[in-house]
Amino acid sequence: MKKSIAKPAADADQVAAYLLLNPDFLESHPQVFEALDVPHPTGGAVSLVERQVAVLRERNRALTARLDAVIEAAHRHDDQYRKLFELAIALAACRDIAALLHALATHLRRDFGTDALRVLAHTAPASGTPLLVSAFDAAPFAADIERSKPRCLPQSELPIVQPYLDAQTVSAAVLPLAAGAAPALLLLGSHDSERFSPELGTLLLERLAQLTGAHWHRLSGA
């Protein structure tokens, strides 16, 4: 019985190289094309065309999923900035600190998933409000005041802000509004542990801090 001799691996490489250099080979040699079978994962066999169609369909599904994710993110961002614009209009109409804080509370709770908020200020404006803390220990927030950039707090720092928010706060963010001799901070808290997770980006919080800080300066005279 004649033993079959395995062809050197180099022969397969040469065939592959030739096909790559001559992509129309199978089109001009249909008898070769018809004889080709690619093993199916289930153990059967499918033609090369069927296999290629299956691969293209899988790629199409993957691309469609990626496109859907991009579109969903675009809609989400568009919705966020629409709400931020509505907040900007509301803040621009405020004529005192009490109105400013009322507008913040309304929009942040309704549109931005905030369950609790509080403004910490070095000096209370004449028009006081329960949302405003006139005196606070600035030491724990010294780095935030100096840095002047919002951040989401890690779990280890939640006990610092919970007394200003509520006991159900499980995620929080600090937004500096003013520095210098009259520092002010906006604290945001949520009952959702993922709402202000440190892993999230802070671009929206930065825009919110800039917007609120500008009106805080305008109305408080800080």
C-alpha atoms as a PDB file:
ATOM      1  CA  MET A   1       0.000   0.000   0.000  1.00  0.00           C
ATOM      2  CA  LYS A   2       1.421   3.273  -1.063  1.00  0.00           C
ATOM      3  CA  LYS A   3       1.945   5.638   1.805  1.00  0.00           C
ATOM      4  CA  SER A   4       0.771   9.217   1.351  1.00  0.00           C
ATOM      5  CA  ILE A   5       3.561  11.702   1.735  1.00  0.00           C
ATOM      6  CA  ALA A   6       2.676  15.020   3.362  1.00  0.00           C
ATOM      7  CA  LYS A   7       3.598  17.973   1.249  1.00  0.00           C
ATOM      8  CA  PRO A   8       6.093  20.390   2.685  1.00  0.00           C
ATOM      9  CA  ALA A   9       4.593  23.384   4.454  1.00  0.00           C
ATOM     10  CA  ALA A  10       6.401  25.577   1.964  1.00  0.00           C
ATOM     11  CA  ASP A  11       4.076  24.307  -0.795  1.00  0.00           C
ATOM     12  CA  ALA A  12       1.006  25.588   1.093  1.00  0.00           C
ATOM     13  CA  ASP A  13       2.716  28.908   1.655  1.00  0.00           C
ATOM     14  CA  GLN A  14       3.494  29.172  -2.024  1.00  0.00           C
ATOM     15  CA  VAL A  15      -0.116  28.425  -2.954  1.00  0.00           C
ATOM     16  CA  ALA A  16      -1.356  31.049  -0.500  1.00  0.00           C
ATOM     17  CA  ALA A  17       1.118  33.608  -1.845  1.00  0.00           C
ATOM     18  CA  TYR A  18       0.108  32.834  -5.418  1.00  0.00           C
ATOM     19  CA  LEU A  19      -3.606  33.250  -4.643  1.00  0.00           C
ATOM     20  CA  LEU A  20      -2.942  36.551  -2.947  1.00  0.00           C
ATOM     21  CA  LEU A  21      -1.055  37.764  -6.015  1.00  0.00           C
ATOM     22  CA  ASN A  22      -3.752  36.419  -8.335  1.00  0.00           C
ATOM     23  CA  PRO A  23      -7.109  37.113  -6.659  1.00  0.00           C
ATOM     24  CA  ASP A  24      -8.990  36.298  -9.891  1.00  0.00           C
ATOM     25  CA  PHE A  25      -7.563  32.739 -10.055  1.00  0.00           C
ATOM     26  CA  LEU A  26     -10.676  31.026  -8.674  1.00  0.00           C
ATOM     27  CA  GLU A  27     -12.890  33.052 -10.997  1.00  0.00           C
ATOM     28  CA  SER A  28     -10.926  31.883 -14.025  1.00  0.00           C
ATOM     29  CA  HIS A  29     -10.703  28.293 -12.745  1.00  0.00           C
ATOM     30  CA  PRO A  30     -14.233  27.477 -11.589  1.00  0.00           C
ATOM     31  CA  GLN A  31     -13.521  23.750 -11.354  1.00  0.00           C
ATOM     32  CA  VAL A  32     -11.029  24.468  -8.582  1.00  0.00           C
ATOM     33  CA  PHE A  33     -13.416  26.839  -6.873  1.00  0.00           C
ATOM     34  CA  GLU A  34     -16.222  24.258  -6.906  1.00  0.00           C
ATOM     35  CA  ALA A  35     -13.992  21.613  -5.359  1.00  0.00           C
ATOM     36  CA  LEU A  36     -12.986  23.751  -2.380  1.00  0.00           C
ATOM     37  CA  ASP A  37     -14.659  23.017   0.952  1.00  0.00           C
ATOM     38  CA  VAL A  38     -14.054  24.666   4.296  1.00  0.00           C
ATOM     39  CA  PRO A  39     -14.725  22.556   7.420  1.00  0.00           C
ATOM     40  CA  HIS A  40     -17.738  23.826   9.374  1.00  0.00           C
ATOM     41  CA  PRO A  41     -17.446  24.053  13.192  1.00  0.00           C
ATOM     42  CA  THR A  42     -20.297  21.543  13.531  1.00  0.00           C
ATOM     43  CA  GLY A  43     -18.324  18.942  11.618  1.00  0.00           C
ATOM     44  CA  GLY A  44     -20.007  19.339   8.237  1.00  0.00           C
ATOM     45  CA  ALA A  45     -18.665  21.163   5.235  1.00  0.00           C
ATOM     46  CA  VAL A  46     -19.731  24.356   3.521  1.00  0.00           C
ATOM     47  CA  SER A  47     -18.637  25.865   0.288  1.00  0.00           C
ATOM     48  CA  LEU A  48     -16.129  28.680   0.282  1.00  0.00           C
ATOM     49  CA  VAL A  49     -18.800  31.129  -0.874  1.00  0.00           C
ATOM     50  CA  GLU A  50     -21.120  30.136   1.981  1.00  0.00           C
ATOM     51  CA  ARG A  51     -18.276  30.478   4.425  1.00  0.00           C
ATOM     52  CA  GLN A  52     -17.389  33.913   3.051  1.00  0.00           C
ATOM     53  CA  VAL A  53     -21.033  34.983   3.264  1.00  0.00           C
ATOM     54  CA  ALA A  54     -21.157  33.837   6.896  1.00  0.00           C
ATOM     55  CA  VAL A  55     -18.008  35.816   7.702  1.00  0.00           C
ATOM     56  CA  LEU A  56     -19.367  38.919   5.982  1.00  0.00           C
ATOM     57  CA  ARG A  57     -22.645  38.607   7.855  1.00  0.00           C
ATOM     58  CA  GLU A  58     -20.817  38.377  11.156  1.00  0.00           C
ATOM     59  CA  ARG A  59     -18.731  41.415  10.284  1.00  0.00           C
ATOM     60  CA  ASN A  60     -21.891  43.252   9.283  1.00  0.00           C
ATOM     61  CA  ARG A  61     -23.521  42.416  12.608  1.00  0.00           C
ATOM     62  CA  ALA A  62     -20.436  43.639  14.482  1.00  0.00           C
ATOM     63  CA  LEU A  63     -20.304  46.879  12.490  1.00  0.00           C
ATOM     64  CA  THR A  64     -24.030  47.422  12.963  1.00  0.00           C
ATOM     65  CA  ALA A  65     -23.660  46.936  16.723  1.00  0.00           C
ATOM     66  CA  ARG A  66     -20.793  49.442  16.816  1.00  0.00           C
ATOM     67  CA  LEU A  67     -22.767  51.953  14.754  1.00  0.00           C
ATOM     68  CA  ASP A  68     -25.800  51.537  17.029  1.00  0.00           C
ATOM     69  CA  ALA A  69     -23.575  52.176  20.058  1.00  0.00           C
ATOM     70  CA  VAL A  70     -22.147  55.345  18.468  1.00  0.00           C
ATOM     71  CA  ILE A  71     -25.620  56.611  17.571  1.00  0.00           C
ATOM     72  CA  GLU A  72     -26.905  55.877  21.077  1.00  0.00           C
ATOM     73  CA  ALA A  73     -23.962  57.754  22.630  1.00  0.00           C
ATOM     74  CA  ALA A  74     -24.558  60.702  20.290  1.00  0.00           C
ATOM     75  CA  HIS A  75     -28.231  60.854  21.286  1.00  0.00           C
ATOM     76  CA  ARG A  76     -27.278  60.637  24.959  1.00  0.00           C
ATOM     77  CA  HIS A  77     -24.742  63.463  24.680  1.00  0.00           C
ATOM     78  CA  ASP A  78     -27.143  65.586  22.664  1.00  0.00           C
ATOM     79  CA  ASP A  79     -29.788  65.116  25.357  1.00  0.00           C
ATOM     80  CA  GLN A  80     -27.338  66.042  28.113  1.00  0.00           C
ATOM     81  CA  TYR A  81     -26.283  69.263  26.428  1.00  0.00           C
ATOM     82  CA  ARG A  82     -29.889  70.161  25.646  1.00  0.00           C
ATOM     83  CA  LYS A  83     -30.623  69.892  29.369  1.00  0.00           C
ATOM     84  CA  LEU A  84     -27.498  71.909  30.172  1.00  0.00           C
ATOM     85  CA  PHE A  85     -28.690  74.615  27.773  1.00  0.00           C
ATOM     86  CA  GLU A  86     -32.085  74.683  29.488  1.00  0.00           C
ATOM     87  CA  LEU A  87     -30.314  75.063  32.835  1.00  0.00           C
ATOM     88  CA  ALA A  88     -28.225  77.911  31.430  1.00  0.00           C
ATOM     89  CA  ILE A  89     -31.387  79.767  30.407  1.00  0.00           C
ATOM     90  CA  ALA A  90     -32.907  79.230  33.863  1.00  0.00           C
ATOM     91  CA  LEU A  91     -29.778  80.465  35.664  1.00  0.00           C
ATOM     92  CA  ALA A  92     -29.504  83.533  33.447  1.00  0.00           C
ATOM     93  CA  ALA A  93     -32.995  84.569  34.572  1.00  0.00           C
ATOM     94  CA  CYS A  94     -32.087  84.409  38.292  1.00  0.00           C
ATOM     95  CA  ARG A  95     -31.865  87.703  40.143  1.00  0.00           C
ATOM     96  CA  ASP A  96     -30.614  86.494  43.535  1.00  0.00           C
ATOM     97  CA  ILE A  97     -28.877  83.559  45.201  1.00  0.00           C
ATOM     98  CA  ALA A  98     -32.126  82.012  46.428  1.00  0.00           C
ATOM     99  CA  ALA A  99     -33.473  81.880  42.865  1.00  0.00           C
ATOM    100  CA  LEU A 100     -30.149  80.509  41.626  1.00  0.00           C
ATOM    101  CA  LEU A 101     -30.174  77.643  44.105  1.00  0.00           C
ATOM    102  CA  HIS A 102     -33.834  76.903  43.461  1.00  0.00           C
ATOM    103  CA  ALA A 103     -33.140  76.638  39.713  1.00  0.00           C
ATOM    104  CA  LEU A 104     -30.122  74.416  40.365  1.00  0.00           C
ATOM    105  CA  ALA A 105     -32.115  72.107  42.618  1.00  0.00           C
ATOM    106  CA  THR A 106     -34.965  71.836  40.118  1.00  0.00           C
ATOM    107  CA  HIS A 107     -32.856  71.095  37.054  1.00  0.00           C
ATOM    108  CA  LEU A 108     -30.178  68.939  38.668  1.00  0.00           C
ATOM    109  CA  ARG A 109     -32.718  66.700  40.366  1.00  0.00           C
ATOM    110  CA  ARG A 110     -34.992  66.462  37.350  1.00  0.00           C
ATOM    111  CA  ASP A 111     -32.497  66.234  34.499  1.00  0.00           C
ATOM    112  CA  PHE A 112     -29.114  65.111  35.847  1.00  0.00           C
ATOM    113  CA  GLY A 113     -29.857  62.271  38.258  1.00  0.00           C
ATOM    114  CA  THR A 114     -28.919  64.258  41.368  1.00  0.00           C
ATOM    115  CA  ASP A 115     -30.697  63.200  44.570  1.00  0.00           C
ATOM    116  CA  ALA A 116     -29.059  65.702  46.910  1.00  0.00           C
ATOM    117  CA  LEU A 117     -27.083  68.908  46.471  1.00  0.00           C
ATOM    118  CA  ARG A 118     -25.639  71.614  48.637  1.00  0.00           C
ATOM    119  CA  VAL A 119     -23.609  74.762  48.106  1.00  0.00           C
ATOM    120  CA  LEU A 120     -20.816  75.348  50.591  1.00  0.00           C
ATOM    121  CA  ALA A 121     -19.826  78.999  50.881  1.00  0.00           C
ATOM    122  CA  HIS A 122     -17.366  80.840  53.071  1.00  0.00           C
ATOM    123  CA  THR A 123     -19.855  83.640  53.671  1.00  0.00           C
ATOM    124  CA  ALA A 124     -23.632  83.409  53.365  1.00  0.00           C
ATOM    125  CA  PRO A 125     -25.248  85.919  51.016  1.00  0.00           C
ATOM    126  CA  ALA A 126     -27.984  88.120  52.448  1.00  0.00           C
ATOM    127  CA  SER A 127     -30.706  85.976  50.898  1.00  0.00           C
ATOM    128  CA  GLY A 128     -30.152  82.765  52.822  1.00  0.00           C
ATOM    129  CA  THR A 129     -31.583  79.397  51.833  1.00  0.00           C
ATOM    130  CA  PRO A 130     -31.593  75.920  53.407  1.00  0.00           C
ATOM    131  CA  LEU A 131     -29.506  74.690  50.467  1.00  0.00           C
ATOM    132  CA  LEU A 132     -26.645  76.984  51.482  1.00  0.00           C
ATOM    133  CA  VAL A 133     -24.145  76.199  54.248  1.00  0.00           C
ATOM    134  CA  SER A 134     -22.728  79.495  55.462  1.00  0.00           C
ATOM    135  CA  ALA A 135     -19.798  78.022  57.326  1.00  0.00           C
ATOM    136  CA  PHE A 136     -17.862  74.909  56.433  1.00  0.00           C
ATOM    137  CA  ASP A 137     -14.484  73.417  57.137  1.00  0.00           C
ATOM    138  CA  ALA A 138     -12.537  74.203  53.975  1.00  0.00           C
ATOM    139  CA  ALA A 139      -9.558  72.036  54.954  1.00  0.00           C
ATOM    140  CA  PRO A 140     -10.916  68.751  53.530  1.00  0.00           C
ATOM    141  CA  PHE A 141     -11.663  70.556  50.259  1.00  0.00           C
ATOM    142  CA  ALA A 142      -8.471  72.618  50.039  1.00  0.00           C
ATOM    143  CA  ALA A 143      -7.078  70.594  47.125  1.00  0.00           C
ATOM    144  CA  ASP A 144     -10.356  70.863  45.197  1.00  0.00           C
ATOM    145  CA  ILE A 145     -10.575  74.618  45.756  1.00  0.00           C
ATOM    146  CA  GLU A 146      -6.990  75.118  44.603  1.00  0.00           C
ATOM    147  CA  ARG A 147      -7.360  72.746  41.654  1.00  0.00           C
ATOM    148  CA  SER A 148     -10.640  74.393  40.544  1.00  0.00           C
ATOM    149  CA  LYS A 149     -11.742  71.316  38.655  1.00  0.00           C
ATOM    150  CA  PRO A 150     -14.704  69.028  39.379  1.00  0.00           C
ATOM    151  CA  ARG A 151     -14.168  65.435  40.337  1.00  0.00           C
ATOM    152  CA  CYS A 152     -16.203  62.402  41.365  1.00  0.00           C
ATOM    153  CA  LEU A 153     -15.263  61.219  44.822  1.00  0.00           C
ATOM    154  CA  PRO A 154     -13.956  57.756  45.674  1.00  0.00           C
ATOM    155  CA  GLN A 155     -15.875  55.788  48.300  1.00  0.00           C
ATOM    156  CA  SER A 156     -13.258  56.609  50.935  1.00  0.00           C
ATOM    157  CA  GLU A 157     -14.138  60.327  50.750  1.00  0.00           C
ATOM    158  CA  LEU A 158     -17.926  60.020  50.905  1.00  0.00           C
ATOM    159  CA  PRO A 159     -18.033  60.503  54.715  1.00  0.00           C
ATOM    160  CA  ILE A 160     -16.668  64.023  54.164  1.00  0.00           C
ATOM    161  CA  VAL A 161     -19.647  65.137  52.076  1.00  0.00           C
ATOM    162  CA  GLN A 162     -22.493  62.992  53.445  1.00  0.00           C
ATOM    163  CA  PRO A 163     -23.170  65.386  56.367  1.00  0.00           C
ATOM    164  CA  TYR A 164     -23.911  68.093  53.773  1.00  0.00           C
ATOM    165  CA  LEU A 165     -26.037  65.828  51.556  1.00  0.00           C
ATOM    166  CA  ASP A 166     -27.968  62.861  52.973  1.00  0.00           C
ATOM    167  CA  ALA A 167     -27.329  59.458  54.510  1.00  0.00           C
ATOM    168  CA  GLN A 168     -28.440  57.662  51.326  1.00  0.00           C
ATOM    169  CA  THR A 169     -25.691  59.266  49.230  1.00  0.00           C
ATOM    170  CA  VAL A 170     -23.504  56.512  47.771  1.00  0.00           C
ATOM    171  CA  SER A 171     -21.754  58.540  45.053  1.00  0.00           C
ATOM    172  CA  ALA A 172     -20.871  62.214  44.975  1.00  0.00           C
ATOM    173  CA  ALA A 173     -19.090  64.936  43.036  1.00  0.00           C
ATOM    174  CA  VAL A 174     -17.407  68.173  44.085  1.00  0.00           C
ATOM    175  CA  LEU A 175     -17.651  71.185  41.758  1.00  0.00           C
ATOM    176  CA  PRO A 176     -15.555  74.239  42.731  1.00  0.00           C
ATOM    177  CA  LEU A 177     -17.430  77.490  42.084  1.00  0.00           C
ATOM    178  CA  ALA A 178     -15.089  80.076  43.596  1.00  0.00           C
ATOM    179  CA  ALA A 179     -11.632  80.215  45.141  1.00  0.00           C
ATOM    180  CA  GLY A 180      -9.597  82.876  46.885  1.00  0.00           C
ATOM    181  CA  ALA A 181     -10.815  84.506  50.099  1.00  0.00           C
ATOM    182  CA  ALA A 182     -14.434  83.433  49.549  1.00  0.00           C
ATOM    183  CA  PRO A 183     -14.364  79.833  48.321  1.00  0.00           C
ATOM    184  CA  ALA A 184     -17.558  78.103  47.264  1.00  0.00           C
ATOM    185  CA  LEU A 185     -18.309  74.533  46.252  1.00  0.00           C
ATOM    186  CA  LEU A 186     -21.279  72.743  44.773  1.00  0.00           C
ATOM    187  CA  LEU A 187     -21.741  69.204  46.107  1.00  0.00           C
ATOM    188  CA  LEU A 188     -23.816  66.706  44.132  1.00  0.00           C
ATOM    189  CA  GLY A 189     -24.958  63.408  45.597  1.00  0.00           C
ATOM    190  CA  SER A 190     -26.771  60.385  44.242  1.00  0.00           C
ATOM    191  CA  HIS A 191     -28.377  57.238  45.639  1.00  0.00           C
ATOM    192  CA  ASP A 192     -26.976  55.428  42.582  1.00  0.00           C
ATOM    193  CA  SER A 193     -23.414  54.215  43.139  1.00  0.00           C
ATOM    194  CA  GLU A 194     -22.604  54.567  39.422  1.00  0.00           C
ATOM    195  CA  ARG A 195     -24.000  58.088  38.908  1.00  0.00           C
ATOM    196  CA  PHE A 196     -20.852  59.880  40.077  1.00  0.00           C
ATOM    197  CA  SER A 197     -18.369  57.041  39.774  1.00  0.00           C
ATOM    198  CA  PRO A 198     -14.681  58.135  39.698  1.00  0.00           C
ATOM    199  CA  GLU A 199     -14.286  56.079  36.503  1.00  0.00           C
ATOM    200  CA  LEU A 200     -16.624  58.402  34.592  1.00  0.00           C
ATOM    201  CA  GLY A 201     -15.524  61.450  32.630  1.00  0.00           C
ATOM    202  CA  THR A 202     -16.035  64.919  34.090  1.00  0.00           C
ATOM    203  CA  LEU A 203     -16.562  67.045  30.971  1.00  0.00           C
ATOM    204  CA  LEU A 204     -20.242  67.649  31.707  1.00  0.00           C
ATOM    205  CA  LEU A 205     -19.429  68.459  35.345  1.00  0.00           C
ATOM    206  CA  GLU A 206     -16.794  70.949  34.181  1.00  0.00           C
ATOM    207  CA  ARG A 207     -19.351  72.732  31.984  1.00  0.00           C
ATOM    208  CA  LEU A 208     -21.817  72.735  34.872  1.00  0.00           C
ATOM    209  CA  ALA A 209     -19.224  74.154  37.268  1.00  0.00           C
ATOM    210  CA  GLN A 210     -18.233  76.922  34.826  1.00  0.00           C
ATOM    211  CA  LEU A 211     -21.857  77.842  34.227  1.00  0.00           C
ATOM    212  CA  THR A 212     -22.880  77.811  37.876  1.00  0.00           C
ATOM    213  CA  GLY A 213     -19.680  79.515  39.006  1.00  0.00           C
ATOM    214  CA  ALA A 214     -20.211  82.428  36.610  1.00  0.00           C
ATOM    215  CA  HIS A 215     -23.697  83.095  37.988  1.00  0.00           C
ATOM    216  CA  TRP A 216     -22.507  82.566  41.551  1.00  0.00           C
ATOM    217  CA  HIS A 217     -19.960  85.358  41.059  1.00  0.00           C
ATOM    218  CA  ARG A 218     -22.610  87.552  39.439  1.00  0.00           C
ATOM    219  CA  LEU A 219     -25.141  87.195  42.244  1.00  0.00           C
ATOM    220  CA  SER A 220     -22.991  86.771  45.353  1.00  0.00           C
ATOM    221  CA  GLY A 221     -20.435  89.462  44.571  1.00  0.00           C
ATOM    222  CA  ALA A 222     -17.655  86.996  45.344  1.00  0.00           C
END
